[in-house]
């Protein structure tokens, strides 16, 4: 992993379950994009978070998530969603090895 990959920052939609969808990295998401992401959560019947990640998803190195705002009134805490995300990430990395 390069030093640049270790600091890579991306916007993501993080569901309570730890599932996620990347919203971008080159620019901040627009309010329309955030609204569409929240609509997706609403249609799925779940809450979630707009967050920023730092680190390479596909490496075994550390990765951190920063909550930006809540979307569709999540019933779980951000910390619980992050814990679920990290478990799913570890499983994805291990299966890709």
N, C-alpha and C. Protein backbone atom coordinates (compact mmCIF):
# COMPACT_ATOMS: atom_id res chain seq x y z
N UNK A 1 0.84 -1.17 0.00
CA UNK A 1 0.00 0.00 0.00
C UNK A 1 0.89 1.24 0.00
N UNK A 2 0.53 2.18 -0.82
CA UNK A 2 1.29 3.42 -0.89
C UNK A 2 0.83 4.38 0.18
N UNK A 3 1.64 5.40 0.44
CA UNK A 3 1.26 6.41 1.43
C UNK A 3 0.00 7.12 1.00
N UNK A 4 -0.19 7.34 -0.30
CA UNK A 4 -1.39 7.99 -0.80
C UNK A 4 -2.63 7.17 -0.56
N UNK A 5 -2.52 5.84 -0.71
CA UNK A 5 -3.67 4.97 -0.48
C UNK A 5 -4.06 4.95 0.99
N UNK A 6 -3.08 5.05 1.88
CA UNK A 6 -3.36 5.02 3.30
C UNK A 6 -4.21 6.23 3.70
N UNK A 7 -4.05 7.33 3.01
CA UNK A 7 -4.78 8.55 3.35
C UNK A 7 -5.96 8.81 2.42
N UNK A 8 -6.27 7.88 1.54
CA UNK A 8 -7.35 8.08 0.61
C UNK A 8 -8.64 8.38 1.37
N UNK A 9 -9.33 9.43 0.93
CA UNK A 9 -10.60 9.81 1.56
C UNK A 9 -11.72 9.67 0.55
N UNK A 10 -12.83 9.11 1.03
CA UNK A 10 -14.00 8.92 0.17
C UNK A 10 -15.26 9.22 0.98
N UNK A 11 -16.27 9.71 0.29
CA UNK A 11 -17.60 9.88 0.87
C UNK A 11 -18.33 8.55 0.75
N UNK A 12 -19.10 8.20 1.77
CA UNK A 12 -19.88 6.99 1.66
C UNK A 12 -21.21 7.11 2.37
N UNK A 13 -22.15 6.33 1.88
CA UNK A 13 -23.44 6.14 2.51
C UNK A 13 -23.30 4.86 3.32
N UNK A 14 -23.45 4.96 4.63
CA UNK A 14 -23.28 3.82 5.52
C UNK A 14 -24.62 3.46 6.14
N UNK A 15 -25.12 2.28 5.84
CA UNK A 15 -26.37 1.80 6.43
C UNK A 15 -26.10 1.26 7.83
N UNK A 16 -27.16 1.16 8.62
CA UNK A 16 -27.04 0.65 9.99
C UNK A 16 -26.40 -0.73 10.03
N UNK A 17 -26.63 -1.52 9.00
CA UNK A 17 -26.14 -2.90 8.93
C UNK A 17 -24.64 -2.99 8.61
N UNK A 18 -24.04 -1.85 8.27
CA UNK A 18 -22.64 -1.87 7.85
C UNK A 18 -22.49 -1.93 6.34
N UNK A 19 -23.59 -2.16 5.63
CA UNK A 19 -23.54 -2.09 4.16
C UNK A 19 -23.22 -0.66 3.78
N UNK A 20 -22.64 -0.49 2.61
CA UNK A 20 -22.24 0.87 2.22
C UNK A 20 -22.27 1.04 0.71
N UNK A 21 -22.25 2.28 0.33
CA UNK A 21 -22.16 2.65 -1.07
C UNK A 21 -21.26 3.87 -1.15
N UNK A 22 -20.29 3.84 -2.05
CA UNK A 22 -19.38 4.97 -2.20
C UNK A 22 -20.09 6.10 -2.95
N UNK A 23 -19.94 7.32 -2.47
CA UNK A 23 -20.55 8.48 -3.11
C UNK A 23 -19.54 9.31 -3.89
N UNK A 24 -18.28 9.06 -3.70
CA UNK A 24 -17.27 9.78 -4.46
C UNK A 24 -16.06 10.12 -3.64
N UNK A 25 -15.04 10.61 -4.34
CA UNK A 25 -13.82 11.01 -3.64
C UNK A 25 -13.23 12.29 -4.19
N UNK A 26 -13.49 12.62 -5.44
CA UNK A 26 -12.87 13.80 -6.04
C UNK A 26 -13.57 15.09 -5.62
N UNK A 27 -14.88 15.01 -5.38
CA UNK A 27 -15.63 16.20 -5.00
C UNK A 27 -16.62 15.84 -3.89
N UNK A 28 -17.06 16.85 -3.18
CA UNK A 28 -18.09 16.65 -2.16
C UNK A 28 -19.41 16.32 -2.84
N UNK A 29 -20.23 15.45 -2.24
CA UNK A 29 -21.53 15.16 -2.84
C UNK A 29 -22.43 16.40 -2.76
N UNK A 30 -23.27 16.56 -3.76
CA UNK A 30 -24.22 17.68 -3.76
C UNK A 30 -25.39 17.34 -2.84
N UNK A 31 -26.17 18.35 -2.51
CA UNK A 31 -27.37 18.11 -1.70
C UNK A 31 -28.33 17.17 -2.44
N UNK A 32 -28.40 17.29 -3.76
CA UNK A 32 -29.25 16.38 -4.55
C UNK A 32 -28.77 14.94 -4.42
N UNK A 33 -27.46 14.72 -4.48
CA UNK A 33 -26.91 13.37 -4.35
C UNK A 33 -27.17 12.82 -2.94
N UNK A 34 -27.02 13.67 -1.94
CA UNK A 34 -27.28 13.24 -0.56
C UNK A 34 -28.76 12.91 -0.39
N UNK A 35 -29.62 13.74 -0.98
CA UNK A 35 -31.06 13.49 -0.92
C UNK A 35 -31.43 12.18 -1.60
N UNK A 36 -30.80 11.89 -2.73
CA UNK A 36 -31.06 10.64 -3.44
C UNK A 36 -30.59 9.45 -2.60
N UNK A 37 -29.46 9.59 -1.94
CA UNK A 37 -28.94 8.51 -1.08
C UNK A 37 -29.90 8.28 0.09
N UNK A 38 -30.39 9.36 0.68
CA UNK A 38 -31.33 9.22 1.78
C UNK A 38 -32.63 8.57 1.30
N UNK A 39 -33.06 8.92 0.09
CA UNK A 39 -34.25 8.30 -0.49
C UNK A 39 -34.07 6.80 -0.67
N UNK A 40 -32.87 6.38 -1.04
CA UNK A 40 -32.58 4.95 -1.19
C UNK A 40 -32.71 4.24 0.15
N UNK A 41 -32.20 4.86 1.19
CA UNK A 41 -32.34 4.28 2.53
C UNK A 41 -33.81 4.20 2.93
N UNK A 42 -34.55 5.26 2.67
CA UNK A 42 -35.96 5.30 3.02
C UNK A 42 -36.73 4.17 2.31
N UNK A 43 -36.47 4.01 1.01
CA UNK A 43 -37.15 2.96 0.26
C UNK A 43 -36.79 1.57 0.78
N UNK A 44 -35.58 1.41 1.28
CA UNK A 44 -35.15 0.12 1.84
C UNK A 44 -35.64 -0.06 3.28
N UNK A 45 -36.18 1.00 3.88
CA UNK A 45 -36.69 0.91 5.24
C UNK A 45 -35.62 0.90 6.31
N UNK A 46 -34.48 1.51 6.01
CA UNK A 46 -33.39 1.56 6.99
C UNK A 46 -32.86 2.99 7.13
N UNK A 47 -32.20 3.22 8.23
CA UNK A 47 -31.52 4.49 8.43
C UNK A 47 -30.04 4.32 8.16
N UNK A 48 -29.33 5.42 8.15
CA UNK A 48 -27.90 5.34 7.91
C UNK A 48 -27.22 6.67 8.14
N UNK A 49 -26.06 6.80 7.55
CA UNK A 49 -25.21 7.96 7.81
C UNK A 49 -24.47 8.36 6.55
N UNK A 50 -24.27 9.65 6.41
CA UNK A 50 -23.31 10.16 5.44
C UNK A 50 -22.00 10.24 6.19
N UNK A 51 -20.95 9.67 5.63
CA UNK A 51 -19.67 9.60 6.33
C UNK A 51 -18.52 9.80 5.36
N UNK A 52 -17.36 10.05 5.93
CA UNK A 52 -16.11 10.12 5.19
C UNK A 52 -15.21 9.01 5.70
N UNK A 53 -14.65 8.24 4.78
CA UNK A 53 -13.71 7.19 5.16
C UNK A 53 -12.30 7.64 4.84
N UNK A 54 -11.38 7.13 5.60
CA UNK A 54 -9.97 7.37 5.32
C UNK A 54 -9.25 6.05 5.42
N UNK A 55 -8.54 5.70 4.35
CA UNK A 55 -7.81 4.44 4.29
C UNK A 55 -8.24 3.66 3.05
N UNK A 56 -7.52 2.61 2.77
CA UNK A 56 -7.76 1.75 1.61
C UNK A 56 -8.67 0.60 2.01
N UNK A 57 -9.87 0.55 1.44
CA UNK A 57 -10.85 -0.48 1.79
C UNK A 57 -10.28 -1.88 1.59
N UNK A 58 -9.52 -2.09 0.53
CA UNK A 58 -9.06 -3.43 0.17
C UNK A 58 -7.72 -3.82 0.80
N UNK A 59 -7.21 -3.04 1.74
CA UNK A 59 -5.97 -3.42 2.41
C UNK A 59 -6.29 -3.91 3.82
N UNK A 60 -5.30 -4.46 4.45
CA UNK A 60 -5.45 -4.88 5.84
C UNK A 60 -5.08 -3.75 6.80
N UNK A 61 -4.71 -2.61 6.24
CA UNK A 61 -4.34 -1.46 7.06
C UNK A 61 -5.54 -0.83 7.73
N UNK A 62 -5.28 0.10 8.64
CA UNK A 62 -6.38 0.74 9.37
C UNK A 62 -7.26 1.57 8.44
N UNK A 63 -8.50 1.68 8.82
CA UNK A 63 -9.46 2.50 8.09
C UNK A 63 -10.34 3.17 9.14
N UNK A 64 -10.59 4.44 8.96
CA UNK A 64 -11.44 5.16 9.90
C UNK A 64 -12.60 5.80 9.17
N UNK A 65 -13.71 5.97 9.88
CA UNK A 65 -14.90 6.61 9.35
C UNK A 65 -15.30 7.76 10.26
N UNK A 66 -15.71 8.85 9.65
CA UNK A 66 -16.13 10.04 10.37
C UNK A 66 -17.57 10.34 10.00
N UNK A 67 -18.44 10.41 11.00
CA UNK A 67 -19.84 10.72 10.75
C UNK A 67 -19.99 12.18 10.33
N UNK A 68 -20.69 12.42 9.24
CA UNK A 68 -20.98 13.77 8.79
C UNK A 68 -22.40 14.15 9.19
N UNK A 69 -23.37 13.25 8.87
CA UNK A 69 -24.74 13.49 9.32
C UNK A 69 -25.58 12.23 9.21
N UNK A 70 -26.65 12.22 9.98
CA UNK A 70 -27.58 11.09 9.99
C UNK A 70 -28.52 11.23 8.81
N UNK A 71 -28.92 10.08 8.26
CA UNK A 71 -29.85 10.05 7.14
C UNK A 71 -30.99 9.09 7.46
N UNK A 72 -32.22 9.52 7.26
CA UNK A 72 -33.42 8.71 7.46
C UNK A 72 -33.52 8.13 8.87
N UNK A 73 -33.21 8.90 9.87
CA UNK A 73 -33.39 8.54 11.28
C UNK A 73 -32.93 7.13 11.62
N UNK A 74 -31.63 6.92 11.66
CA UNK A 74 -31.12 5.57 11.97
C UNK A 74 -31.53 5.13 13.38
N UNK A 75 -31.81 3.84 13.53
CA UNK A 75 -32.15 3.28 14.83
C UNK A 75 -30.93 2.76 15.57
N UNK A 76 -29.82 2.65 14.89
CA UNK A 76 -28.56 2.18 15.49
C UNK A 76 -27.60 3.36 15.58
N UNK A 77 -26.62 3.22 16.44
CA UNK A 77 -25.61 4.27 16.58
C UNK A 77 -24.61 4.21 15.43
N UNK A 78 -23.94 5.31 15.21
CA UNK A 78 -22.89 5.35 14.20
C UNK A 78 -21.80 4.34 14.53
N UNK A 79 -21.43 4.25 15.81
CA UNK A 79 -20.39 3.29 16.21
C UNK A 79 -20.78 1.85 15.88
N UNK A 80 -22.06 1.50 16.07
CA UNK A 80 -22.52 0.15 15.74
C UNK A 80 -22.45 -0.10 14.23
N UNK A 81 -22.82 0.91 13.44
CA UNK A 81 -22.75 0.78 11.98
C UNK A 81 -21.30 0.63 11.53
N UNK A 82 -20.39 1.39 12.14
CA UNK A 82 -18.97 1.29 11.78
C UNK A 82 -18.43 -0.09 12.15
N UNK A 83 -18.79 -0.60 13.31
CA UNK A 83 -18.32 -1.93 13.70
C UNK A 83 -18.78 -2.99 12.70
N UNK A 84 -20.05 -2.90 12.27
CA UNK A 84 -20.57 -3.85 11.28
C UNK A 84 -19.84 -3.67 9.95
N UNK A 85 -19.57 -2.43 9.54
CA UNK A 85 -18.83 -2.13 8.31
C UNK A 85 -17.45 -2.78 8.35
N UNK A 86 -16.74 -2.62 9.47
CA UNK A 86 -15.38 -3.15 9.58
C UNK A 86 -15.36 -4.67 9.53
N UNK A 87 -16.37 -5.32 10.10
CA UNK A 87 -16.46 -6.78 10.01
C UNK A 87 -16.66 -7.19 8.55
N UNK A 88 -17.57 -6.53 7.86
CA UNK A 88 -17.82 -6.84 6.44
C UNK A 88 -16.57 -6.57 5.61
N UNK A 89 -15.87 -5.49 5.92
CA UNK A 89 -14.64 -5.16 5.20
C UNK A 89 -13.61 -6.27 5.39
N UNK A 90 -13.42 -6.71 6.64
CA UNK A 90 -12.44 -7.77 6.91
C UNK A 90 -12.79 -9.04 6.13
N UNK A 91 -14.06 -9.40 6.11
CA UNK A 91 -14.47 -10.60 5.35
C UNK A 91 -14.21 -10.42 3.87
N UNK A 92 -14.47 -9.22 3.33
CA UNK A 92 -14.23 -8.96 1.90
C UNK A 92 -12.75 -9.05 1.58
N UNK A 93 -11.92 -8.47 2.42
CA UNK A 93 -10.47 -8.48 2.19
C UNK A 93 -9.93 -9.90 2.25
N UNK A 94 -10.40 -10.67 3.23
CA UNK A 94 -9.94 -12.04 3.38
C UNK A 94 -10.37 -12.91 2.20
N UNK A 95 -11.58 -12.71 1.71
CA UNK A 95 -12.05 -13.52 0.57
C UNK A 95 -11.37 -13.13 -0.73
N UNK A 96 -10.85 -11.90 -0.80
CA UNK A 96 -10.14 -11.45 -2.01
C UNK A 96 -8.68 -11.91 -2.02
N UNK A 97 -8.20 -12.36 -0.86
CA UNK A 97 -6.77 -12.77 -0.78
C UNK A 97 -6.54 -14.13 -1.38
